[in-house]
Every structure is written in structure tokens, then in C-alpha cells.
C-alpha atoms as a PDB file:
ATOM      1  CA  UNK A   1     -16.253  10.248  -3.878  1.00  0.00           C
ATOM      2  CA  UNK A   2     -15.900  13.432  -1.845  1.00  0.00           C
ATOM      3  CA  UNK A   3     -17.964  16.414  -3.083  1.00  0.00           C
ATOM      4  CA  UNK A   4     -16.025  18.664  -0.682  1.00  0.00           C
ATOM      5  CA  UNK A   5     -12.893  18.215  -2.821  1.00  0.00           C
ATOM      6  CA  UNK A   6     -12.492  19.888  -6.185  1.00  0.00           C
ATOM      7  CA  UNK A   7     -11.260  16.989  -8.291  1.00  0.00           C
ATOM      8  CA  UNK A   8     -10.960  19.263 -11.307  1.00  0.00           C
ATOM      9  CA  UNK A   9      -8.516  21.412  -9.353  1.00  0.00           C
ATOM     10  CA  UNK A  10      -6.610  18.313  -8.307  1.00  0.00           C
ATOM     11  CA  UNK A  11      -6.122  17.304 -11.947  1.00  0.00           C
ATOM     12  CA  UNK A  12      -5.703  20.973 -12.933  1.00  0.00           C
ATOM     13  CA  UNK A  13      -8.334  20.898 -15.670  1.00  0.00           C
ATOM     14  CA  UNK A  14     -11.522  22.844 -16.395  1.00  0.00           C
ATOM     15  CA  UNK A  15     -14.905  21.364 -15.321  1.00  0.00           C
ATOM     16  CA  UNK A  16     -15.847  20.982 -19.009  1.00  0.00           C
ATOM     17  CA  UNK A  17     -12.597  19.213 -19.943  1.00  0.00           C
ATOM     18  CA  UNK A  18     -12.894  16.295 -22.323  1.00  0.00           C
ATOM     19  CA  UNK A  19     -11.824  12.804 -21.333  1.00  0.00           C
ATOM     20  CA  UNK A  20      -8.629  12.980 -23.398  1.00  0.00           C
ATOM     21  CA  UNK A  21      -7.559  16.084 -21.496  1.00  0.00           C
ATOM     22  CA  UNK A  22      -8.281  14.406 -18.151  1.00  0.00           C
ATOM     23  CA  UNK A  23      -6.243  11.357 -19.143  1.00  0.00           C
ATOM     24  CA  UNK A  24      -3.321  13.521 -20.290  1.00  0.00           C
ATOM     25  CA  UNK A  25      -3.438  15.546 -17.080  1.00  0.00           C
ATOM     26  CA  UNK A  26      -3.521  12.388 -14.968  1.00  0.00           C
ATOM     27  CA  UNK A  27      -0.516  10.850 -16.710  1.00  0.00           C
ATOM     28  CA  UNK A  28       1.524  14.033 -16.438  1.00  0.00           C
ATOM     29  CA  UNK A  29       0.724  14.581 -12.742  1.00  0.00           C
ATOM     30  CA  UNK A  30       1.434  10.963 -11.854  1.00  0.00           C
ATOM     31  CA  UNK A  31       4.836  11.226 -13.491  1.00  0.00           C
ATOM     32  CA  UNK A  32       5.504  14.398 -11.539  1.00  0.00           C
ATOM     33  CA  UNK A  33       4.294  13.184  -8.146  1.00  0.00           C
ATOM     34  CA  UNK A  34       5.108   9.459  -8.307  1.00  0.00           C
ATOM     35  CA  UNK A  35       6.606   8.336  -4.932  1.00  0.00           C
ATOM     36  CA  UNK A  36       9.572   6.753  -6.710  1.00  0.00           C
ATOM     37  CA  UNK A  37      10.815  10.254  -7.518  1.00  0.00           C
ATOM     38  CA  UNK A  38      11.613  10.741  -3.823  1.00  0.00           C
ATOM     39  CA  UNK A  39      14.474   8.245  -3.937  1.00  0.00           C
ATOM     40  CA  UNK A  40      15.641   7.440  -0.404  1.00  0.00           C
ATOM     41  CA  UNK A  41      13.946  10.468   1.171  1.00  0.00           C
ATOM     42  CA  UNK A  42      11.232   8.798   3.284  1.00  0.00           C
ATOM     43  CA  UNK A  43       9.539  12.071   4.225  1.00  0.00           C
ATOM     44  CA  UNK A  44       9.268  13.231   0.635  1.00  0.00           C
ATOM     45  CA  UNK A  45       8.103   9.762  -0.426  1.00  0.00           C
ATOM     46  CA  UNK A  46       5.262   9.918   2.108  1.00  0.00           C
ATOM     47  CA  UNK A  47       4.260  13.370   0.857  1.00  0.00           C
ATOM     48  CA  UNK A  48       4.326  12.268  -2.783  1.00  0.00           C
ATOM     49  CA  UNK A  49       2.358   9.166  -1.868  1.00  0.00           C
ATOM     50  CA  UNK A  50      -0.454  11.278  -0.397  1.00  0.00           C
ATOM     51  CA  UNK A  51      -0.458  13.512  -3.467  1.00  0.00           C
ATOM     52  CA  UNK A  52      -0.550  10.514  -5.781  1.00  0.00           C
ATOM     53  CA  UNK A  53      -3.455   9.023  -3.818  1.00  0.00           C
ATOM     54  CA  UNK A  54      -5.462  12.217  -4.251  1.00  0.00           C
ATOM     55  CA  UNK A  55      -4.629  12.438  -7.957  1.00  0.00           C
ATOM     56  CA  UNK A  56      -5.630   8.797  -8.406  1.00  0.00           C
ATOM     57  CA  UNK A  57      -8.885   9.361  -6.533  1.00  0.00           C
ATOM     58  CA  UNK A  58      -9.749  12.344  -8.722  1.00  0.00           C
ATOM     59  CA  UNK A  59      -8.942  10.389 -11.885  1.00  0.00           C
ATOM     60  CA  UNK A  60     -11.072   7.431 -10.782  1.00  0.00           C
ATOM     61  CA  UNK A  61     -14.103   9.725 -10.381  1.00  0.00           C
ATOM     62  CA  UNK A  62     -13.649  11.968 -13.417  1.00  0.00           C
ATOM     63  CA  UNK A  63     -12.629   9.252 -15.888  1.00  0.00           C
ATOM     64  CA  UNK A  64     -15.892   7.338 -15.425  1.00  0.00           C
ATOM     65  CA  UNK A  65     -18.850   9.110 -17.092  1.00  0.00           C
ATOM     66  CA  UNK A  66     -21.427   7.965 -14.533  1.00  0.00           C
ATOM     67  CA  UNK A  67     -19.367   8.824 -11.448  1.00  0.00           C
ATOM     68  CA  UNK A  68     -18.388  12.145 -13.043  1.00  0.00           C
ATOM     69  CA  UNK A  69     -22.061  13.087 -13.542  1.00  0.00           C
ATOM     70  CA  UNK A  70     -22.821  12.131  -9.955  1.00  0.00           C
ATOM     71  CA  UNK A  71     -19.868  14.150  -8.731  1.00  0.00           C
ATOM     72  CA  UNK A  72     -20.890  17.199 -10.796  1.00  0.00           C
ATOM     73  CA  UNK A  73     -24.326  16.984  -9.214  1.00  0.00           C
ATOM     74  CA  UNK A  74     -22.982  16.786  -5.670  1.00  0.00           C
ATOM     75  CA  UNK A  75     -20.041  19.150  -6.099  1.00  0.00           C
ATOM     76  CA  UNK A  76     -20.153  22.463  -4.320  1.00  0.00           C
ATOM     77  CA  UNK A  77     -17.597  25.271  -4.619  1.00  0.00           C
ATOM     78  CA  UNK A  78     -14.409  24.289  -2.837  1.00  0.00           C
ATOM     79  CA  UNK A  79     -12.674  26.706  -0.408  1.00  0.00           C
ATOM     80  CA  UNK A  80      -9.858  26.954  -2.907  1.00  0.00           C
ATOM     81  CA  UNK A  81      -9.970  26.740  -6.679  1.00  0.00           C
ATOM     82  CA  UNK A  82      -7.436  27.248  -9.441  1.00  0.00           C
ATOM     83  CA  UNK A  83      -8.929  30.649 -10.287  1.00  0.00           C
ATOM     84  CA  UNK A  84      -8.394  31.884  -6.723  1.00  0.00           C
ATOM     85  CA  UNK A  85      -4.679  31.117  -6.695  1.00  0.00           C
ATOM     86  CA  UNK A  86      -2.227  33.528  -8.305  1.00  0.00           C
ATOM     87  CA  UNK A  87      -0.249  31.742 -10.990  1.00  0.00           C
ATOM     88  CA  UNK A  88       3.413  32.369 -11.774  1.00  0.00           C
ATOM     89  CA  UNK A  89       4.021  34.681 -14.695  1.00  0.00           C
ATOM     90  CA  UNK A  90       5.845  31.955 -16.614  1.00  0.00           C
ATOM     91  CA  UNK A  91       2.859  29.630 -16.311  1.00  0.00           C
ATOM     92  CA  UNK A  92       0.400  32.352 -17.301  1.00  0.00           C
ATOM     93  CA  UNK A  93       2.200  32.891 -20.590  1.00  0.00           C
ATOM     94  CA  UNK A  94       2.756  29.199 -21.345  1.00  0.00           C
ATOM     95  CA  UNK A  95       1.719  28.081 -24.820  1.00  0.00           C
ATOM     96  CA  UNK A  96      -0.520  25.074 -25.291  1.00  0.00           C
ATOM     97  CA  UNK A  97       0.771  22.086 -27.263  1.00  0.00           C
ATOM     98  CA  UNK A  98      -0.841  18.653 -27.499  1.00  0.00           C
ATOM     99  CA  UNK A  99      -3.193  19.156 -24.557  1.00  0.00           C
ATOM    100  CA  UNK A 100      -0.391  20.069 -22.137  1.00  0.00           C
ATOM    101  CA  UNK A 101       1.210  23.472 -21.809  1.00  0.00           C
ATOM    102  CA  UNK A 102       4.934  23.924 -22.233  1.00  0.00           C
ATOM    103  CA  UNK A 103       5.092  24.891 -18.565  1.00  0.00           C
ATOM    104  CA  UNK A 104       3.911  21.388 -17.697  1.00  0.00           C
ATOM    105  CA  UNK A 105       0.307  22.289 -16.796  1.00  0.00           C
ATOM    106  CA  UNK A 106      -2.444  20.217 -18.471  1.00  0.00           C
ATOM    107  CA  UNK A 107      -4.620  22.244 -20.810  1.00  0.00           C
ATOM    108  CA  UNK A 108      -8.386  22.034 -21.165  1.00  0.00           C
ATOM    109  CA  UNK A 109     -10.491  23.165 -24.112  1.00  0.00           C
ATOM    110  CA  UNK A 110      -7.576  24.982 -25.696  1.00  0.00           C
ATOM    111  CA  UNK A 111      -6.795  26.931 -22.523  1.00  0.00           C
ATOM    112  CA  UNK A 112      -4.619  26.267 -19.528  1.00  0.00           C
ATOM    113  CA  UNK A 113      -5.436  26.688 -15.865  1.00  0.00           C
ATOM    114  CA  UNK A 114      -2.073  27.148 -14.171  1.00  0.00           C
ATOM    115  CA  UNK A 115      -2.015  25.816 -10.626  1.00  0.00           C
ATOM    116  CA  UNK A 116       1.087  25.949  -8.432  1.00  0.00           C
ATOM    117  CA  UNK A 117       2.205  22.951  -6.413  1.00  0.00           C
ATOM    118  CA  UNK A 118       0.949  24.568  -3.208  1.00  0.00           C
ATOM    119  CA  UNK A 119      -2.684  24.072  -4.259  1.00  0.00           C
ATOM    120  CA  UNK A 120      -2.414  20.294  -4.281  1.00  0.00           C
ATOM    121  CA  UNK A 121      -0.864  20.420  -0.815  1.00  0.00           C
ATOM    122  CA  UNK A 122      -3.675  22.686   0.378  1.00  0.00           C
ATOM    123  CA  UNK A 123      -6.293  20.272  -0.944  1.00  0.00           C
ATOM    124  CA  UNK A 124      -4.600  17.408   0.888  1.00  0.00           C
ATOM    125  CA  UNK A 125      -4.535  19.471   4.086  1.00  0.00           C
ATOM    126  CA  UNK A 126      -8.235  20.264   3.609  1.00  0.00           C
ATOM    127  CA  UNK A 127      -8.967  16.568   3.197  1.00  0.00           C
ATOM    128  CA  UNK A 128      -7.187  15.637   6.409  1.00  0.00           C
ATOM    129  CA  UNK A 129      -8.822  18.484   8.324  1.00  0.00           C
ATOM    130  CA  UNK A 130     -12.233  17.244   7.184  1.00  0.00           C
ATOM    131  CA  UNK A 131     -11.343  13.750   8.376  1.00  0.00           C
ATOM    132  CA  UNK A 132     -10.000  15.019  11.684  1.00  0.00           C
ATOM    133  CA  UNK A 133     -13.301  16.788  12.353  1.00  0.00           C
ATOM    134  CA  UNK A 134     -14.990  13.391  12.674  1.00  0.00           C
ATOM    135  CA  UNK A 135     -14.097  11.517  15.880  1.00  0.00           C
ATOM    136  CA  UNK A 136     -12.385   8.245  15.031  1.00  0.00           C
ATOM    137  CA  UNK A 137     -12.562   5.130  17.144  1.00  0.00           C
ATOM    138  CA  UNK A 138      -9.414   3.463  18.431  1.00  0.00           C
ATOM    139  CA  UNK A 139      -9.821   0.381  16.168  1.00  0.00           C
ATOM    140  CA  UNK A 140     -10.292   2.651  13.149  1.00  0.00           C
ATOM    141  CA  UNK A 141      -7.187   4.645  13.996  1.00  0.00           C
ATOM    142  CA  UNK A 142      -5.239   1.412  14.524  1.00  0.00           C
ATOM    143  CA  UNK A 143      -6.329   0.022  11.140  1.00  0.00           C
ATOM    144  CA  UNK A 144      -5.527   3.341   9.457  1.00  0.00           C
ATOM    145  CA  UNK A 145      -2.055   3.329  11.018  1.00  0.00           C
ATOM    146  CA  UNK A 146      -1.385  -0.223   9.823  1.00  0.00           C
ATOM    147  CA  UNK A 147      -2.649   0.667   6.349  1.00  0.00           C
ATOM    148  CA  UNK A 148      -0.313   3.664   6.257  1.00  0.00           C
ATOM    149  CA  UNK A 149       2.667   1.553   7.265  1.00  0.00           C
ATOM    150  CA  UNK A 150       1.740  -1.089   4.688  1.00  0.00           C
ATOM    151  CA  UNK A 151       1.550   1.381   1.793  1.00  0.00           C
ATOM    152  CA  UNK A 152       4.808   3.085   2.777  1.00  0.00           C
ATOM    153  CA  UNK A 153       6.733  -0.187   2.601  1.00  0.00           C
ATOM    154  CA  UNK A 154       8.157  -1.022  -0.845  1.00  0.00           C
ATOM    155  CA  UNK A 155       5.709  -2.872  -3.036  1.00  0.00           C
ATOM    156  CA  UNK A 156       2.883  -2.363  -5.517  1.00  0.00           C
ATOM    157  CA  UNK A 157       1.118   0.977  -5.169  1.00  0.00           C
ATOM    158  CA  UNK A 158      -2.573   0.869  -4.371  1.00  0.00           C
ATOM    159  CA  UNK A 159      -3.553   2.120  -7.843  1.00  0.00           C
ATOM    160  CA  UNK A 160      -1.606  -0.728  -9.477  1.00  0.00           C
ATOM    161  CA  UNK A 161      -3.566  -3.747 -10.677  1.00  0.00           C
ATOM    162  CA  UNK A 162      -1.340  -6.111  -8.662  1.00  0.00           C
ATOM    163  CA  UNK A 163      -1.840  -4.332  -5.335  1.00  0.00           C
ATOM    164  CA  UNK A 164      -5.136  -6.075  -4.509  1.00  0.00           C
ATOM    165  CA  UNK A 165      -3.739  -9.550  -5.098  1.00  0.00           C
ATOM    166  CA  UNK A 166      -0.645  -8.717  -3.055  1.00  0.00           C
ATOM    167  CA  UNK A 167      -2.728  -7.455  -0.135  1.00  0.00           C
ATOM    168  CA  UNK A 168      -4.909 -10.599  -0.091  1.00  0.00           C
ATOM    169  CA  UNK A 169      -1.825 -12.818  -0.262  1.00  0.00           C
ATOM    170  CA  UNK A 170      -0.072 -11.015   2.589  1.00  0.00           C
ATOM    171  CA  UNK A 171      -3.180 -11.206   4.796  1.00  0.00           C
ATOM    172  CA  UNK A 172      -3.663 -14.916   4.020  1.00  0.00           C
ATOM    173  CA  UNK A 173      -0.054 -15.960   4.698  1.00  0.00           C
ATOM    174  CA  UNK A 174      -0.342 -15.910   8.540  1.00  0.00           C
ATOM    175  CA  UNK A 175      -3.223 -18.405   8.326  1.00  0.00           C
ATOM    176  CA  UNK A 176      -1.264 -20.739   6.054  1.00  0.00           C
ATOM    177  CA  UNK A 177       1.904 -20.319   8.109  1.00  0.00           C
ATOM    178  CA  UNK A 178       0.161 -21.113  11.399  1.00  0.00           C
ATOM    179  CA  UNK A 179      -1.438 -24.252   9.949  1.00  0.00           C
ATOM    180  CA  UNK A 180       1.923 -25.360   8.523  1.00  0.00           C
ATOM    181  CA  UNK A 181       3.562 -24.897  11.918  1.00  0.00           C
ATOM    182  CA  UNK A 182       0.801 -26.864  13.670  1.00  0.00           C
ATOM    183  CA  UNK A 183       1.052 -29.689  11.146  1.00  0.00           C
ATOM    184  CA  UNK A 184       4.872 -29.847  11.156  1.00  0.00           C
ATOM    185  CA  UNK A 185       5.122 -29.726  14.953  1.00  0.00           C
ATOM    186  CA  UNK A 186       2.681 -32.602  15.431  1.00  0.00           C
ATOM    187  CA  UNK A 187       0.026 -30.479  17.120  1.00  0.00           C
ATOM    188  CA  UNK A 188      -2.584 -31.770  14.662  1.00  0.00           C
ATOM    189  CA  UNK A 189      -1.747 -35.443  15.186  1.00  0.00           C
ATOM    190  CA  UNK A 190      -5.034 -35.946  17.009  1.00  0.00           C
ATOM    191  CA  UNK A 191      -6.739 -35.349  13.647  1.00  0.00           C
ATOM    192  CA  UNK A 192      -4.486 -37.789  11.824  1.00  0.00           C
ATOM    193  CA  UNK A 193      -4.563 -40.811  14.107  1.00  0.00           C
ATOM    194  CA  UNK A 194      -6.049 -43.889  12.458  1.00  0.00           C
ATOM    195  CA  UNK A 195      -6.157 -42.321   8.999  1.00  0.00           C
ATOM    196  CA  UNK A 196      -3.719 -43.780   6.434  1.00  0.00           C
ATOM    197  CA  UNK A 197      -1.701 -41.219   4.529  1.00  0.00           C
ATOM    198  CA  UNK A 198      -3.374 -38.518   6.589  1.00  0.00           C
ATOM    199  CA  UNK A 199      -0.160 -36.476   6.801  1.00  0.00           C
ATOM    200  CA  UNK A 200       0.203 -36.474   3.009  1.00  0.00           C
ATOM    201  CA  UNK A 201      -3.406 -35.394   2.613  1.00  0.00           C
ATOM    202  CA  UNK A 202      -2.890 -32.663   5.216  1.00  0.00           C
ATOM    203  CA  UNK A 203       0.119 -31.234   3.391  1.00  0.00           C
ATOM    204  CA  UNK A 204      -1.758 -31.436   0.072  1.00  0.00           C
ATOM    205  CA  UNK A 205      -4.652 -29.459   1.551  1.00  0.00           C
ATOM    206  CA  UNK A 206      -2.191 -26.933   2.952  1.00  0.00           C
ATOM    207  CA  UNK A 207      -0.599 -26.560  -0.492  1.00  0.00           C
ATOM    208  CA  UNK A 208      -4.017 -25.812  -1.970  1.00  0.00           C
ATOM    209  CA  UNK A 209      -4.688 -23.240   0.733  1.00  0.00           C
ATOM    210  CA  UNK A 210      -1.402 -21.548  -0.131  1.00  0.00           C
ATOM    211  CA  UNK A 211      -2.361 -21.038  -3.780  1.00  0.00           C
ATOM    212  CA  UNK A 212      -3.900 -17.551  -3.241  1.00  0.00           C
ATOM    213  CA  UNK A 213      -0.519 -16.432  -1.902  1.00  0.00           C
ATOM    214  CA  UNK A 214       1.644 -18.020  -4.578  1.00  0.00           C
ATOM    215  CA  UNK A 215       2.889 -14.643  -5.874  1.00  0.00           C
ATOM    216  CA  UNK A 216       4.196 -13.564  -2.470  1.00  0.00           C
ATOM    217  CA  UNK A 217       5.006 -16.952  -0.915  1.00  0.00           C
ATOM    218  CA  UNK A 218       8.460 -17.551  -2.500  1.00  0.00           C
ATOM    219  CA  UNK A 219       9.752 -14.122  -1.435  1.00  0.00           C
ATOM    220  CA  UNK A 220       8.212 -14.511   2.017  1.00  0.00           C
ATOM    221  CA  UNK A 221       9.920 -17.890   2.452  1.00  0.00           C
ATOM    222  CA  UNK A 222      13.293 -16.514   1.351  1.00  0.00           C
ATOM    223  CA  UNK A 223      12.989 -13.394   3.451  1.00  0.00           C
ATOM    224  CA  UNK A 224      11.682 -15.115   6.574  1.00  0.00           C
ATOM    225  CA  UNK A 225      13.665 -18.390   6.508  1.00  0.00           C
ATOM    226  CA  UNK A 226      16.478 -17.130   8.741  1.00  0.00           C
ATOM    227  CA  UNK A 227      14.035 -15.544  11.183  1.00  0.00           C
ATOM    228  CA  UNK A 228      11.995 -18.747  11.400  1.00  0.00           C
ATOM    229  CA  UNK A 229      15.117 -20.856  12.039  1.00  0.00           C
ATOM    230  CA  UNK A 230      16.200 -18.473  14.799  1.00  0.00           C
ATOM    231  CA  UNK A 231      12.771 -18.445  16.425  1.00  0.00           C
ATOM    232  CA  UNK A 232      12.512 -22.253  16.314  1.00  0.00           C
ATOM    233  CA  UNK A 233      15.935 -22.743  17.930  1.00  0.00           C
ATOM    234  CA  UNK A 234      17.237 -24.624  14.902  1.00  0.00           C
ATOM    235  CA  UNK A 235      20.437 -22.547  14.865  1.00  0.00           C
ATOM    236  CA  UNK A 236      21.118 -22.493  18.616  1.00  0.00           C
ATOM    237  CA  UNK A 237      23.848 -25.147  18.542  1.00  0.00           C
ATOM    238  CA  UNK A 238      25.547 -23.540  15.556  1.00  0.00           C
ATOM    239  CA  UNK A 239      25.544 -20.108  17.193  1.00  0.00           C
ATOM    240  CA  UNK A 240      26.937 -21.485  20.452  1.00  0.00           C
ATOM    241  CA  UNK A 241      29.643 -23.429  18.628  1.00  0.00           C
ATOM    242  CA  UNK A 242      30.715 -20.393  16.588  1.00  0.00           C
ATOM    243  CA  UNK A 243      30.209 -17.962  19.502  1.00  0.00           C
ATOM    244  CA  UNK A 244      28.164 -15.704  17.233  1.00  0.00           C
ATOM    245  CA  UNK A 245      26.190 -12.971  19.044  1.00  0.00           C
ATOM    246  CA  UNK A 246      22.520 -13.828  18.817  1.00  0.00           C
ATOM    247  CA  UNK A 247      21.518 -10.169  18.501  1.00  0.00           C
ATOM    248  CA  UNK A 248      23.696  -9.769  15.410  1.00  0.00           C
ATOM    249  CA  UNK A 249      22.025 -12.738  13.718  1.00  0.00           C
ATOM    250  CA  UNK A 250      18.576 -11.393  14.600  1.00  0.00           C
ATOM    251  CA  UNK A 251      19.469  -8.032  13.091  1.00  0.00           C
ATOM    252  CA  UNK A 252      20.746  -9.750   9.953  1.00  0.00           C
ATOM    253  CA  UNK A 253      17.544 -11.805   9.733  1.00  0.00           C
ATOM    254  CA  UNK A 254      15.371  -8.708  10.035  1.00  0.00           C
ATOM    255  CA  UNK A 255      17.403  -6.820   7.438  1.00  0.00           C
ATOM    256  CA  UNK A 256      17.230  -9.774   5.054  1.00  0.00           C
ATOM    257  CA  UNK A 257      13.468  -9.979   5.403  1.00  0.00           C
ATOM    258  CA  UNK A 258      12.990  -6.243   4.860  1.00  0.00           C
ATOM    259  CA  UNK A 259      15.154  -6.286   1.754  1.00  0.00           C
ATOM    260  CA  UNK A 260      13.653  -9.367   0.072  1.00  0.00           C
ATOM    261  CA  UNK A 261       9.960  -9.042   1.004  1.00  0.00           C
ATOM    262  CA  UNK A 262       9.268  -6.037   3.275  1.00  0.00           C
ATOM    263  CA  UNK A 263       5.467  -6.202   3.302  1.00  0.00           C
ATOM    264  CA  UNK A 264       5.299  -9.983   3.609  1.00  0.00           C
ATOM    265  CA  UNK A 265       7.964  -9.970   6.329  1.00  0.00           C
ATOM    266  CA  UNK A 266       6.307  -7.299   8.497  1.00  0.00           C
ATOM    267  CA  UNK A 267       2.659  -8.268   7.940  1.00  0.00           C
ATOM    268  CA  UNK A 268       2.935 -12.041   7.395  1.00  0.00           C
ATOM    269  CA  UNK A 269       6.156 -13.617   8.729  1.00  0.00           C
ATOM    270  CA  UNK A 270       6.333 -11.724  12.033  1.00  0.00           C
ATOM    271  CA  UNK A 271       2.576 -12.064  12.796  1.00  0.00           C
ATOM    272  CA  UNK A 272       2.800 -15.787  12.003  1.00  0.00           C
ATOM    273  CA  UNK A 273       5.656 -16.256  14.470  1.00  0.00           C
ATOM    274  CA  UNK A 274       3.808 -14.236  17.095  1.00  0.00           C
ATOM    275  CA  UNK A 275       0.591 -16.174  16.540  1.00  0.00           C
ATOM    276  CA  UNK A 276       2.366 -19.541  16.749  1.00  0.00           C
ATOM    277  CA  UNK A 277       4.082 -18.521  19.980  1.00  0.00           C
ATOM    278  CA  UNK A 278       0.811 -17.305  21.474  1.00  0.00           C
ATOM    279  CA  UNK A 279      -1.106 -20.435  20.488  1.00  0.00           C
ATOM    280  CA  UNK A 280       1.636 -22.670  21.868  1.00  0.00           C
ATOM    281  CA  UNK A 281       1.269 -20.945  25.230  1.00  0.00           C
ATOM    282  CA  UNK A 282      -2.533 -20.783  25.343  1.00  0.00           C
ATOM    283  CA  UNK A 283      -3.781 -23.926  23.547  1.00  0.00           C
ATOM    284  CA  UNK A 284      -0.890 -26.326  23.134  1.00  0.00           C
ATOM    285  CA  UNK A 285       1.183 -25.693  26.234  1.00  0.00           C
ATOM    286  CA  UNK A 286       1.041 -29.317  27.284  1.00  0.00           C
END
């Protein structure tokens, strides 16, 4: 919750708006600013994503009675408000119907507060300027950059119910993948010596560990299979026999992974391969 942001202005409703009006405003704005409306325009998609995040944040605060009361207590006048922005003549004369004006602006208490698109952009700029005023550490900036890349890749949006489960699965896959590599390559044989059926038990335990990632695992396997075979050298003889350029196959593998499972490929498959390579050099080089 940020009392420096006018969440009522973000949702374009009055401070005394009823919950039904807030819900109607939220649904209309999310349809208008949903990142999918950008199509293949990556720059516009990033802009819409930031707008949708702010709209979602405002809805999360104002739709809960307790958080809304706390916000109203902490809120102070924002640098910009709907009343301080000149509205287009067409919006000023819009008629109210069903809680939303015909001009597309949500109405509150039988009246409409027309707000042009520029206000939402100004609020986003204000938010980033407030964040920039606080010095950020290098690890924090690195995590924020990774989070930005993650959310820009195709997948569940952070306000979707499935986004949390997807994030946990993607973060857990490198652990499962590294253990599977160690078990398959015989680097855990020292744990299995003298124990009957130890390999079967090991794979059973690994299967249980993979359960939290079961939603993402099939797509990650399909998207990363070619990359894993290339990295392991499994296809070296085939490529030499067919005289296929290795760089072309690597490009095809990367494209396949990004198409089938972009988030899992970038944040699970590639880190798993890098971690296995690093561990093989540092711990299991002999």
C-alpha cells in the first residue's frame, strides 16, 4: 500500500465510490490496458503491463474494506488528481449508464470523473520517481531486473491465480534438474553403494520432489529436450555425420524452448545446465 499514490485516481472513481463501482471500474480498465492488447509490440506490452500492475494494486487495496480504511487514513493529497486534469469535452458530456459512462469512464455515485489516459501514465512516472529517490543496492536491482524479465515473458500474469504456482515451479525446477543430472550421471553412486534397489528409491524420491513443478515440468521437458541433448553431447555424432552446423541447431533449440515454455526455459532449463556444468568443474571434476 502506497499512500503517496491516489488509488482512486488510478481506478478513476470518487473516494466515496461503492464497492460495485470500484469492481466495474477495475474490470473496464483491465480490459482497456491488458498487455495482450499490445499484440507483438513489445514496447507497448511493457507499458500496458506497468499500467495493469498499478490498476491491480489499486484494486487490491480499495476492494478490501479493512485495507481501504487504512489507506484512507494514510492517504494524503496526491500531486495530481482527476479534478486537476482538464477532461475532453466529449468525456465531460458523457451520460452515465450502468455504472460506466458511455465514454468508457467508470462512474461513481451517479457522476463521472473523466480522466484522460495521460493521468495513469503520470501516476506511474510518479511511482518510479519515488522509487528512484531511494538508493537501491546492486542485489536488489539485479532481482528487480530478473523479475521484470520474468513478467515480460509469456505466461500467467502476476494478478492471475496461477501465477504463484508457476513461479514456485519454475524456481524449483533447477533443483530437481540438478539432482536428476547427478543421479543419472552416476555422481551420487557413493550414496547408493551397498543399498539394494537404491537407484529405484532415488528416482522415486526425485519424482516426489518434482511434484510441486508438475504443471510446468512437461512443457519444460519438451522445450528443453533438444538443448539438453546438445549440451550433453548426445547429438555430436549425428551432427558430424550429417554435417549440420552446430550453431544452427543451437539456435533451433533456443527458439523451440522459447516457443514452448519461455519462462521455464530461461529461468529453469538454462540455469540447470549452467549449474550442472559449474558443479562438474568444481565438485565432480575427477
